[in-house]
């Protein structure tokens, strides 16, 4: 009788917690194995862009354009809705960031 109660009420949560623990460890291990470093310059340029994701620049979104701007393949002025002041801010930021990277 006591064994039946244990099997029916206590064993399933114990098994479920064990499976959850195993998957938690697997997620932690795989997140370390497949970690991808991101360029902080791309994140900053993405923040400076308008964020419309309109595709007028020929890229699928502002993140893609920011990656191309940082790599030097495109210019901030390729973004159609951007204000000239913001484009200049992006150019100035990249000039400063690249100078810092060259010093390292």
PDB file of N, CA and C in Angstrom:
ATOM      1  N   UNK A   1       0.824  -1.191   0.000  1.00  0.00           N
ATOM      2  CA  UNK A   1       0.000   0.000   0.000  1.00  0.00           C
ATOM      3  C   UNK A   1       0.876   1.267   0.000  1.00  0.00           C
ATOM      4  N   UNK A   2       1.849   1.308   0.898  1.00  0.00           N
ATOM      5  CA  UNK A   2       2.734   2.465   0.980  1.00  0.00           C
ATOM      6  C   UNK A   2       3.580   2.594  -0.286  1.00  0.00           C
ATOM      7  N   UNK A   3       3.989   1.466  -0.850  1.00  0.00           N
ATOM      8  CA  UNK A   3       4.761   1.471  -2.089  1.00  0.00           C
ATOM      9  C   UNK A   3       3.926   2.013  -3.239  1.00  0.00           C
ATOM     10  N   UNK A   4       2.646   1.651  -3.288  1.00  0.00           N
ATOM     11  CA  UNK A   4       1.751   2.160  -4.325  1.00  0.00           C
ATOM     12  C   UNK A   4       1.618   3.677  -4.248  1.00  0.00           C
ATOM     13  N   UNK A   5       1.477   4.205  -3.049  1.00  0.00           N
ATOM     14  CA  UNK A   5       1.359   5.652  -2.867  1.00  0.00           C
ATOM     15  C   UNK A   5       2.644   6.340  -3.334  1.00  0.00           C
ATOM     16  N   UNK A   6       3.784   5.790  -2.978  1.00  0.00           N
ATOM     17  CA  UNK A   6       5.064   6.357  -3.403  1.00  0.00           C
ATOM     18  C   UNK A   6       5.173   6.357  -4.919  1.00  0.00           C
ATOM     19  N   UNK A   7       4.871   5.219  -5.542  1.00  0.00           N
ATOM     20  CA  UNK A   7       4.976   5.097  -6.998  1.00  0.00           C
ATOM     21  C   UNK A   7       4.000   6.035  -7.690  1.00  0.00           C
ATOM     22  N   UNK A   8       2.813   6.177  -7.139  1.00  0.00           N
ATOM     23  CA  UNK A   8       1.777   6.960  -7.794  1.00  0.00           C
ATOM     24  C   UNK A   8       1.969   8.468  -7.597  1.00  0.00           C
ATOM     25  N   UNK A   9       2.399   8.909  -6.424  1.00  0.00           N
ATOM     26  CA  UNK A   9       2.412  10.337  -6.128  1.00  0.00           C
ATOM     27  C   UNK A   9       3.803  10.978  -6.035  1.00  0.00           C
ATOM     28  N   UNK A  10       4.792  10.236  -5.641  1.00  0.00           N
ATOM     29  CA  UNK A  10       6.105  10.830  -5.417  1.00  0.00           C
ATOM     30  C   UNK A  10       7.114  10.531  -6.517  1.00  0.00           C
ATOM     31  N   UNK A  11       7.011   9.398  -7.148  1.00  0.00           N
ATOM     32  CA  UNK A  11       7.974   9.026  -8.180  1.00  0.00           C
ATOM     33  C   UNK A  11       7.881   9.914  -9.428  1.00  0.00           C
ATOM     34  N   UNK A  12       6.680  10.220  -9.954  1.00  0.00           N
ATOM     35  CA  UNK A  12       6.626  11.081 -11.151  1.00  0.00           C
ATOM     36  C   UNK A  12       7.275  12.457 -10.964  1.00  0.00           C
ATOM     37  N   UNK A  13       7.018  13.172  -9.858  1.00  0.00           N
ATOM     38  CA  UNK A  13       7.714  14.465  -9.712  1.00  0.00           C
ATOM     39  C   UNK A  13       9.231  14.322  -9.579  1.00  0.00           C
ATOM     40  N   UNK A  14       9.680  13.246  -8.949  1.00  0.00           N
ATOM     41  CA  UNK A  14      11.121  13.014  -8.824  1.00  0.00           C
ATOM     42  C   UNK A  14      11.735  12.772 -10.197  1.00  0.00           C
ATOM     43  N   UNK A  15      11.074  11.966 -11.010  1.00  0.00           N
ATOM     44  CA  UNK A  15      11.557  11.699 -12.373  1.00  0.00           C
ATOM     45  C   UNK A  15      11.549  12.983 -13.194  1.00  0.00           C
ATOM     46  N   UNK A  16      10.465  13.748 -13.096  1.00  0.00           N
ATOM     47  CA  UNK A  16      10.350  14.998 -13.845  1.00  0.00           C
ATOM     48  C   UNK A  16      11.438  15.993 -13.429  1.00  0.00           C
ATOM     49  N   UNK A  17      11.711  16.090 -12.142  1.00  0.00           N
ATOM     50  CA  UNK A  17      12.771  16.980 -11.668  1.00  0.00           C
ATOM     51  C   UNK A  17      14.133  16.511 -12.164  1.00  0.00           C
ATOM     52  N   UNK A  18      14.346  15.212 -12.202  1.00  0.00           N
ATOM     53  CA  UNK A  18      15.607  14.673 -12.721  1.00  0.00           C
ATOM     54  C   UNK A  18      15.794  14.996 -14.190  1.00  0.00           C
ATOM     55  N   UNK A  19      14.727  14.816 -14.970  1.00  0.00           N
ATOM     56  CA  UNK A  19      14.798  15.143 -16.405  1.00  0.00           C
ATOM     57  C   UNK A  19      15.054  16.639 -16.585  1.00  0.00           C
ATOM     58  N   UNK A  20      14.373  17.470 -15.791  1.00  0.00           N
ATOM     59  CA  UNK A  20      14.591  18.919 -15.861  1.00  0.00           C
ATOM     60  C   UNK A  20      16.016  19.298 -15.518  1.00  0.00           C
ATOM     61  N   UNK A  21      16.570  18.639 -14.517  1.00  0.00           N
ATOM     62  CA  UNK A  21      17.960  18.904 -14.142  1.00  0.00           C
ATOM     63  C   UNK A  21      18.931  18.519 -15.237  1.00  0.00           C
ATOM     64  N   UNK A  22      18.690  17.366 -15.853  1.00  0.00           N
ATOM     65  CA  UNK A  22      19.556  16.909 -16.949  1.00  0.00           C
ATOM     66  C   UNK A  22      19.501  17.896 -18.111  1.00  0.00           C
ATOM     67  N   UNK A  23      18.280  18.308 -18.489  1.00  0.00           N
ATOM     68  CA  UNK A  23      18.161  19.257 -19.595  1.00  0.00           C
ATOM     69  C   UNK A  23      18.758  20.618 -19.234  1.00  0.00           C
ATOM     70  N   UNK A  24      18.640  21.030 -17.986  1.00  0.00           N
ATOM     71  CA  UNK A  24      19.256  22.283 -17.553  1.00  0.00           C
ATOM     72  C   UNK A  24      20.764  22.254 -17.696  1.00  0.00           C
ATOM     73  N   UNK A  25      21.366  21.144 -17.305  1.00  0.00           N
ATOM     74  CA  UNK A  25      22.819  20.991 -17.444  1.00  0.00           C
ATOM     75  C   UNK A  25      23.205  20.974 -18.919  1.00  0.00           C
ATOM     76  N   UNK A  26      22.426  20.271 -19.746  1.00  0.00           N
ATOM     77  CA  UNK A  26      22.719  20.224 -21.187  1.00  0.00           C
ATOM     78  C   UNK A  26      22.636  21.615 -21.813  1.00  0.00           C
ATOM     79  N   UNK A  27      21.626  22.380 -21.441  1.00  0.00           N
ATOM     80  CA  UNK A  27      21.497  23.741 -21.976  1.00  0.00           C
ATOM     81  C   UNK A  27      22.703  24.588 -21.566  1.00  0.00           C
ATOM     82  N   UNK A  28      23.131  24.471 -20.326  1.00  0.00           N
ATOM     83  CA  UNK A  28      24.291  25.238 -19.856  1.00  0.00           C
ATOM     84  C   UNK A  28      25.553  24.849 -20.613  1.00  0.00           C
ATOM     85  N   UNK A  29      25.753  23.554 -20.825  1.00  0.00           N
ATOM     86  CA  UNK A  29      26.944  23.078 -21.535  1.00  0.00           C
ATOM     87  C   UNK A  29      26.923  23.548 -22.985  1.00  0.00           C
ATOM     88  N   UNK A  30      25.776  23.386 -23.657  1.00  0.00           N
ATOM     89  CA  UNK A  30      25.702  23.775 -25.065  1.00  0.00           C
ATOM     90  C   UNK A  30      25.785  25.288 -25.241  1.00  0.00           C
ATOM     91  N   UNK A  31      25.295  26.056 -24.275  1.00  0.00           N
ATOM     92  CA  UNK A  31      25.417  27.509 -24.402  1.00  0.00           C
ATOM     93  C   UNK A  31      26.878  27.941 -24.310  1.00  0.00           C
ATOM     94  N   UNK A  32      27.684  27.212 -23.560  1.00  0.00           N
ATOM     95  CA  UNK A  32      29.118  27.513 -23.491  1.00  0.00           C
ATOM     96  C   UNK A  32      29.853  27.014 -24.733  1.00  0.00           C
ATOM     97  N   UNK A  33      29.452  25.853 -25.242  1.00  0.00           N
ATOM     98  CA  UNK A  33      30.117  25.288 -26.418  1.00  0.00           C
ATOM     99  C   UNK A  33      29.858  26.102 -27.678  1.00  0.00           C
ATOM    100  N   UNK A  34      28.637  26.596 -27.837  1.00  0.00           N
ATOM    101  CA  UNK A  34      28.248  27.279 -29.065  1.00  0.00           C
ATOM    102  C   UNK A  34      28.121  28.786 -28.885  1.00  0.00           C
ATOM    103  N   UNK A  35      28.862  29.341 -27.928  1.00  0.00           N
ATOM    104  CA  UNK A  35      28.835  30.777 -27.681  1.00  0.00           C
ATOM    105  C   UNK A  35      29.422  31.520 -28.878  1.00  0.00           C
ATOM    106  N   UNK A  36      28.735  32.568 -29.305  1.00  0.00           N
ATOM    107  CA  UNK A  36      29.193  33.382 -30.426  1.00  0.00           C
ATOM    108  C   UNK A  36      29.450  34.794 -29.904  1.00  0.00           C
ATOM    109  N   UNK A  37      30.674  35.261 -30.096  1.00  0.00           N
ATOM    110  CA  UNK A  37      30.989  36.621 -29.669  1.00  0.00           C
ATOM    111  C   UNK A  37      30.375  37.611 -30.645  1.00  0.00           C
ATOM    112  N   UNK A  38      29.767  38.660 -30.099  1.00  0.00           N
ATOM    113  CA  UNK A  38      29.179  39.688 -30.942  1.00  0.00           C
ATOM    114  C   UNK A  38      30.048  40.935 -30.878  1.00  0.00           C
ATOM    115  N   UNK A  39      30.051  41.656 -31.964  1.00  0.00           N
ATOM    116  CA  UNK A  39      30.824  42.893 -32.042  1.00  0.00           C
ATOM    117  C   UNK A  39      29.997  44.008 -31.409  1.00  0.00           C
ATOM    118  N   UNK A  40      30.519  44.613 -30.376  1.00  0.00           N
ATOM    119  CA  UNK A  40      29.773  45.664 -29.681  1.00  0.00           C
ATOM    120  C   UNK A  40      29.552  46.881 -30.569  1.00  0.00           C
ATOM    121  N   UNK A  41      30.391  47.054 -31.589  1.00  0.00           N
ATOM    122  CA  UNK A  41      30.193  48.170 -32.518  1.00  0.00           C
ATOM    123  C   UNK A  41      28.909  47.991 -33.307  1.00  0.00           C
ATOM    124  N   UNK A  42      28.594  46.742 -33.686  1.00  0.00           N
ATOM    125  CA  UNK A  42      27.362  46.470 -34.434  1.00  0.00           C
ATOM    126  C   UNK A  42      26.149  46.814 -33.575  1.00  0.00           C
ATOM    127  N   UNK A  43      26.204  46.453 -32.302  1.00  0.00           N
ATOM    128  CA  UNK A  43      25.087  46.750 -31.406  1.00  0.00           C
ATOM    129  C   UNK A  43      24.883  48.254 -31.260  1.00  0.00           C
ATOM    130  N   UNK A  44      25.972  48.995 -31.125  1.00  0.00           N
ATOM    131  CA  UNK A  44      25.875  50.450 -30.961  1.00  0.00           C
ATOM    132  C   UNK A  44      25.348  51.104 -32.232  1.00  0.00           C
ATOM    133  N   UNK A  45      25.830  50.665 -33.400  1.00  0.00           N
ATOM    134  CA  UNK A  45      25.354  51.233 -34.660  1.00  0.00           C
ATOM    135  C   UNK A  45      23.880  50.896 -34.852  1.00  0.00           C
ATOM    136  N   UNK A  46      23.464  49.696 -34.476  1.00  0.00           N
ATOM    137  CA  UNK A  46      22.052  49.319 -34.574  1.00  0.00           C
ATOM    138  C   UNK A  46      21.200  50.234 -33.703  1.00  0.00           C
ATOM    139  N   UNK A  47      21.692  50.579 -32.521  1.00  0.00           N
ATOM    140  CA  UNK A  47      20.958  51.497 -31.645  1.00  0.00           C
ATOM    141  C   UNK A  47      20.839  52.884 -32.267  1.00  0.00           C
ATOM    142  N   UNK A  48      21.874  53.318 -32.983  1.00  0.00           N
ATOM    143  CA  UNK A  48      21.857  54.651 -33.579  1.00  0.00           C
ATOM    144  C   UNK A  48      20.977  54.722 -34.826  1.00  0.00           C
ATOM    145  N   UNK A  49      20.814  53.607 -35.528  1.00  0.00           N
ATOM    146  CA  UNK A  49      19.954  53.593 -36.711  1.00  0.00           C
ATOM    147  C   UNK A  49      18.498  53.781 -36.281  1.00  0.00           C
ATOM    148  N   UNK A  50      17.627  54.239 -37.211  1.00  0.00           N
ATOM    149  CA  UNK A  50      16.247  54.534 -36.825  1.00  0.00           C
ATOM    150  C   UNK A  50      15.451  53.326 -36.313  1.00  0.00           C
ATOM    151  N   UNK A  51      15.785  52.131 -36.763  1.00  0.00           N
ATOM    152  CA  UNK A  51      15.083  50.944 -36.271  1.00  0.00           C
ATOM    153  C   UNK A  51      13.788  50.646 -36.994  1.00  0.00           C
ATOM    154  N   UNK A  52      13.601  51.191 -38.194  1.00  0.00           N
ATOM    155  CA  UNK A  52      12.370  50.945 -38.943  1.00  0.00           C
ATOM    156  C   UNK A  52      12.346  49.565 -39.590  1.00  0.00           C
ATOM    157  N   UNK A  53      13.525  48.993 -39.842  1.00  0.00           N
ATOM    158  CA  UNK A  53      13.636  47.705 -40.545  1.00  0.00           C
ATOM    159  C   UNK A  53      12.856  47.735 -41.855  1.00  0.00           C
ATOM    160  N   UNK A  54      12.973  48.854 -42.576  1.00  0.00           N
ATOM    161  CA  UNK A  54      12.182  49.066 -43.791  1.00  0.00           C
ATOM    162  C   UNK A  54      12.761  48.356 -45.005  1.00  0.00           C
ATOM    163  N   UNK A  55      14.045  48.096 -45.014  1.00  0.00           N
ATOM    164  CA  UNK A  55      14.678  47.435 -46.148  1.00  0.00           C
ATOM    165  C   UNK A  55      15.018  48.377 -47.290  1.00  0.00           C
ATOM    166  N   UNK A  56      14.847  49.677 -47.111  1.00  0.00           N
ATOM    167  CA  UNK A  56      15.134  50.642 -48.173  1.00  0.00           C
ATOM    168  C   UNK A  56      16.614  50.681 -48.528  1.00  0.00           C
ATOM    169  N   UNK A  57      17.458  50.214 -47.635  1.00  0.00           N
ATOM    170  CA  UNK A  57      18.907  50.210 -47.868  1.00  0.00           C
ATOM    171  C   UNK A  57      19.344  48.981 -48.660  1.00  0.00           C
ATOM    172  N   UNK A  58      18.428  48.044 -48.857  1.00  0.00           N
ATOM    173  CA  UNK A  58      18.777  46.814 -49.551  1.00  0.00           C
ATOM    174  C   UNK A  58      19.075  45.663 -48.612  1.00  0.00           C
ATOM    175  N   UNK A  59      19.045  45.924 -47.329  1.00  0.00           N
ATOM    176  CA  UNK A  59      19.272  44.891 -46.321  1.00  0.00           C
ATOM    177  C   UNK A  59      17.927  44.520 -45.694  1.00  0.00           C
ATOM    178  N   UNK A  60      17.828  43.315 -45.137  1.00  0.00           N
ATOM    179  CA  UNK A  60      16.545  42.903 -44.567  1.00  0.00           C
ATOM    180  C   UNK A  60      16.149  43.665 -43.303  1.00  0.00           C
ATOM    181  N   UNK A  61      17.074  44.324 -42.654  1.00  0.00           N
ATOM    182  CA  UNK A  61      16.749  45.073 -41.442  1.00  0.00           C
ATOM    183  C   UNK A  61      17.927  45.911 -40.998  1.00  0.00           C
ATOM    184  N   UNK A  62      17.710  46.660 -39.938  1.00  0.00           N
ATOM    185  CA  UNK A  62      18.750  47.560 -39.434  1.00  0.00           C
ATOM    186  C   UNK A  62      19.959  46.799 -38.892  1.00  0.00           C
ATOM    187  N   UNK A  63      19.749  45.624 -38.339  1.00  0.00           N
ATOM    188  CA  UNK A  63      20.868  44.822 -37.825  1.00  0.00           C
ATOM    189  C   UNK A  63      21.809  44.444 -38.975  1.00  0.00           C
ATOM    190  N   UNK A  64      21.242  44.018 -40.100  1.00  0.00           N
ATOM    191  CA  UNK A  64      22.060  43.657 -41.259  1.00  0.00           C
ATOM    192  C   UNK A  64      22.828  44.845 -41.807  1.00  0.00           C
ATOM    193  N   UNK A  65      22.166  46.000 -41.860  1.00  0.00           N
ATOM    194  CA  UNK A  65      22.844  47.207 -42.332  1.00  0.00           C
ATOM    195  C   UNK A  65      23.963  47.598 -41.373  1.00  0.00           C
ATOM    196  N   UNK A  66      23.714  47.482 -40.081  1.00  0.00           N
ATOM    197  CA  UNK A  66      24.743  47.823 -39.094  1.00  0.00           C
ATOM    198  C   UNK A  66      25.970  46.937 -39.267  1.00  0.00           C
ATOM    199  N   UNK A  67      25.762  45.654 -39.532  1.00  0.00           N
ATOM    200  CA  UNK A  67      26.897  44.750 -39.758  1.00  0.00           C
ATOM    201  C   UNK A  67      27.698  45.179 -40.983  1.00  0.00           C
ATOM    202  N   UNK A  68      26.998  45.569 -42.050  1.00  0.00           N
ATOM    203  CA  UNK A  68      27.682  46.013 -43.271  1.00  0.00           C
ATOM    204  C   UNK A  68      28.398  47.347 -43.060  1.00  0.00           C
ATOM    205  N   UNK A  69      27.801  48.239 -42.270  1.00  0.00           N
ATOM    206  CA  UNK A  69      28.444  49.524 -41.992  1.00  0.00           C
ATOM    207  C   UNK A  69      29.735  49.306 -41.212  1.00  0.00           C
ATOM    208  N   UNK A  70      29.687  48.447 -40.202  1.00  0.00           N
ATOM    209  CA  UNK A  70      30.879  48.186 -39.384  1.00  0.00           C
ATOM    210  C   UNK A  70      31.972  47.526 -40.213  1.00  0.00           C
ATOM    211  N   UNK A  71      31.587  46.631 -41.131  1.00  0.00           N
ATOM    212  CA  UNK A  71      32.595  45.960 -41.958  1.00  0.00           C
ATOM    213  C   UNK A  71      33.118  46.864 -43.072  1.00  0.00           C
ATOM    214  N   UNK A  72      32.457  48.005 -43.292  1.00  0.00           N
ATOM    215  CA  UNK A  72      32.910  48.947 -44.305  1.00  0.00           C
ATOM    216  C   UNK A  72      32.308  48.725 -45.675  1.00  0.00           C
ATOM    217  N   UNK A  73      31.395  47.773 -45.803  1.00  0.00           N
ATOM    218  CA  UNK A  73      30.786  47.488 -47.098  1.00  0.00           C
ATOM    219  C   UNK A  73      29.706  48.498 -47.466  1.00  0.00           C
ATOM    220  N   UNK A  74      29.091  49.114 -46.476  1.00  0.00           N
ATOM    221  CA  UNK A  74      28.059  50.127 -46.720  1.00  0.00           C
ATOM    222  C   UNK A  74      28.346  51.343 -45.858  1.00  0.00           C
ATOM    223  N   UNK A  75      27.653  52.418 -46.170  1.00  0.00           N
ATOM    224  CA  UNK A  75      27.829  53.681 -45.462  1.00  0.00           C
ATOM    225  C   UNK A  75      26.551  53.998 -44.680  1.00  0.00           C
ATOM    226  N   UNK A  76      26.632  54.778 -43.615  1.00  0.00           N
ATOM    227  CA  UNK A  76      25.411  55.151 -42.890  1.00  0.00           C
ATOM    228  C   UNK A  76      24.408  55.894 -43.760  1.00  0.00           C
ATOM    229  N   UNK A  77      24.885  56.580 -44.789  1.00  0.00           N
ATOM    230  CA  UNK A  77      23.973  57.316 -45.669  1.00  0.00           C
ATOM    231  C   UNK A  77      23.171  56.386 -46.581  1.00  0.00           C
ATOM    232  N   UNK A  78      23.498  55.086 -46.604  1.00  0.00           N
ATOM    233  CA  UNK A  78      22.693  54.131 -47.369  1.00  0.00           C
ATOM    234  C   UNK A  78      21.322  53.928 -46.732  1.00  0.00           C
ATOM    235  N   UNK A  79      21.191  54.267 -45.470  1.00  0.00           N
ATOM    236  CA  UNK A  79      19.904  54.195 -44.777  1.00  0.00           C
ATOM    237  C   UNK A  79      19.087  55.408 -45.219  1.00  0.00           C
ATOM    238  N   UNK A  80      17.969  55.175 -45.896  1.00  0.00           N
ATOM    239  CA  UNK A  80      17.176  56.276 -46.454  1.00  0.00           C
ATOM    240  C   UNK A  80      16.514  57.155 -45.390  1.00  0.00           C
ATOM    241  N   UNK A  81      15.905  56.598 -44.336  1.00  0.00           N
ATOM    242  CA  UNK A  81      15.218  57.480 -43.376  1.00  0.00           C
ATOM    243  C   UNK A  81      16.123  58.107 -42.319  1.00  0.00           C
ATOM    244  N   UNK A  82      17.425  57.847 -42.370  1.00  0.00           N
ATOM    245  CA  UNK A  82      18.313  58.369 -41.326  1.00  0.00           C
ATOM    246  C   UNK A  82      18.525  59.870 -41.507  1.00  0.00           C
ATOM    247  N   UNK A  83      18.646  60.555 -40.394  1.00  0.00           N
ATOM    248  CA  UNK A  83      18.926  61.992 -40.431  1.00  0.00           C
ATOM    249  C   UNK A  83      20.429  62.181 -40.619  1.00  0.00           C
ATOM    250  N   UNK A  84      20.835  63.238 -41.327  1.00  0.00           N
ATOM    251  CA  UNK A  84      22.269  63.473 -41.551  1.00  0.00           C
ATOM    252  C   UNK A  84      23.067  63.590 -40.250  1.00  0.00           C
ATOM    253  N   UNK A  85      22.458  64.135 -39.222  1.00  0.00           N
ATOM    254  CA  UNK A  85      23.144  64.270 -37.933  1.00  0.00           C
ATOM    255  C   UNK A  85      23.453  62.888 -37.362  1.00  0.00           C
ATOM    256  N   UNK A  86      22.491  61.978 -37.468  1.00  0.00           N
ATOM    257  CA  UNK A  86      22.682  60.624 -36.949  1.00  0.00           C
ATOM    258  C   UNK A  86      23.735  59.881 -37.760  1.00  0.00           C
ATOM    259  N   UNK A  87      23.723  60.069 -39.081  1.00  0.00           N
ATOM    260  CA  UNK A  87      24.736  59.427 -39.925  1.00  0.00           C
ATOM    261  C   UNK A  87      26.131  59.899 -39.529  1.00  0.00           C
ATOM    262  N   UNK A  88      26.244  61.172 -39.218  1.00  0.00           N
ATOM    263  CA  UNK A  88      27.537  61.710 -38.785  1.00  0.00           C
ATOM    264  C   UNK A  88      27.933  61.154 -37.416  1.00  0.00           C
ATOM    265  N   UNK A  89      26.949  60.958 -36.538  1.00  0.00           N
ATOM    266  CA  UNK A  89      27.232  60.357 -35.229  1.00  0.00           C
ATOM    267  C   UNK A  89      27.777  58.944 -35.395  1.00  0.00           C
ATOM    268  N   UNK A  90      27.196  58.197 -36.337  1.00  0.00           N
ATOM    269  CA  UNK A  90      27.660  56.827 -36.590  1.00  0.00           C
ATOM    270  C   UNK A  90      29.086  56.850 -37.113  1.00  0.00           C
ATOM    271  N   UNK A  91      29.361  57.730 -38.072  1.00  0.00           N
ATOM    272  CA  UNK A  91      30.721  57.833 -38.615  1.00  0.00           C
ATOM    273  C   UNK A  91      31.728  58.192 -37.517  1.00  0.00           C
ATOM    274  N   UNK A  92      31.348  59.142 -36.685  1.00  0.00           N
ATOM    275  CA  UNK A  92      32.239  59.577 -35.608  1.00  0.00           C
ATOM    276  C   UNK A  92      32.462  58.443 -34.610  1.00  0.00           C
ATOM    277  N   UNK A  93      31.401  57.727 -34.254  1.00  0.00           N
ATOM    278  CA  UNK A  93      31.535  56.610 -33.317  1.00  0.00           C
ATOM    279  C   UNK A  93      32.467  55.546 -33.885  1.00  0.00           C
ATOM    280  N   UNK A  94      32.278  55.189 -35.156  1.00  0.00           N
ATOM    281  CA  UNK A  94      33.115  54.149 -35.761  1.00  0.00           C
ATOM    282  C   UNK A  94      34.572  54.590 -35.858  1.00  0.00           C
ATOM    283  N   UNK A  95      34.800  55.854 -36.131  1.00  0.00           N
ATOM    284  CA  UNK A  95      36.173  56.357 -36.176  1.00  0.00           C
ATOM    285  C   UNK A  95      36.844  56.202 -34.815  1.00  0.00           C
ATOM    286  N   UNK A  96      36.119  56.578 -33.761  1.00  0.00           N
ATOM    287  CA  UNK A  96      36.675  56.456 -32.410  1.00  0.00           C
ATOM    288  C   UNK A  96      36.851  54.993 -32.008  1.00  0.00           C
ATOM    289  N   UNK A  97      35.853  54.161 -32.304  1.00  0.00           N
ATOM    290  CA  UNK A  97      35.919  52.744 -31.923  1.00  0.00           C
ATOM    291  C   UNK A  97      37.040  52.033 -32.661  1.00  0.00           C
ATOM    292  N   UNK A  98      37.215  52.343 -33.943  1.00  0.00           N
ATOM    293  CA  UNK A  98      38.292  51.706 -34.709  1.00  0.00           C
ATOM    294  C   UNK A  98      39.660  52.160 -34.215  1.00  0.00           C
ATOM    295  N   UNK A  99      39.768  53.415 -33.793  1.00  0.00           N
ATOM    296  CA  UNK A  99      41.042  53.901 -33.248  1.00  0.00           C
ATOM    297  C   UNK A  99      41.381  53.175 -31.949  1.00  0.00           C
ATOM    298  N   UNK A 100      40.368  52.925 -31.132  1.00  0.00           N
ATOM    299  CA  UNK A 100      40.594  52.193 -29.877  1.00  0.00           C
ATOM    300  C   UNK A 100      41.005  50.758 -30.169  1.00  0.00           C
ATOM    301  N   UNK A 101      40.358  50.130 -31.153  1.00  0.00           N
ATOM    302  CA  UNK A 101      40.699  48.746 -31.505  1.00  0.00           C
ATOM    303  C   UNK A 101      42.115  48.637 -32.050  1.00  0.00           C
ATOM    304  N   UNK A 102      42.557  49.644 -32.804  1.00  0.00           N
ATOM    305  CA  UNK A 102      43.909  49.606 -33.364  1.00  0.00           C
ATOM    306  C   UNK A 102      44.969  49.732 -32.273  1.00  0.00           C
ATOM    307  N   UNK A 103      44.644  50.439 -31.195  1.00  0.00           N
ATOM    308  CA  UNK A 103      45.595  50.593 -30.093  1.00  0.00           C
ATOM    309  C   UNK A 103      45.799  49.288 -29.341  1.00  0.00           C
ATOM    310  N   UNK A 104      44.783  48.436 -29.330  1.00  0.00           N
ATOM    311  CA  UNK A 104      44.877  47.162 -28.593  1.00  0.00           C
ATOM    312  C   UNK A 104      45.721  46.216 -29.316  1.00  0.00           C
TER     313      UNK A 104
END
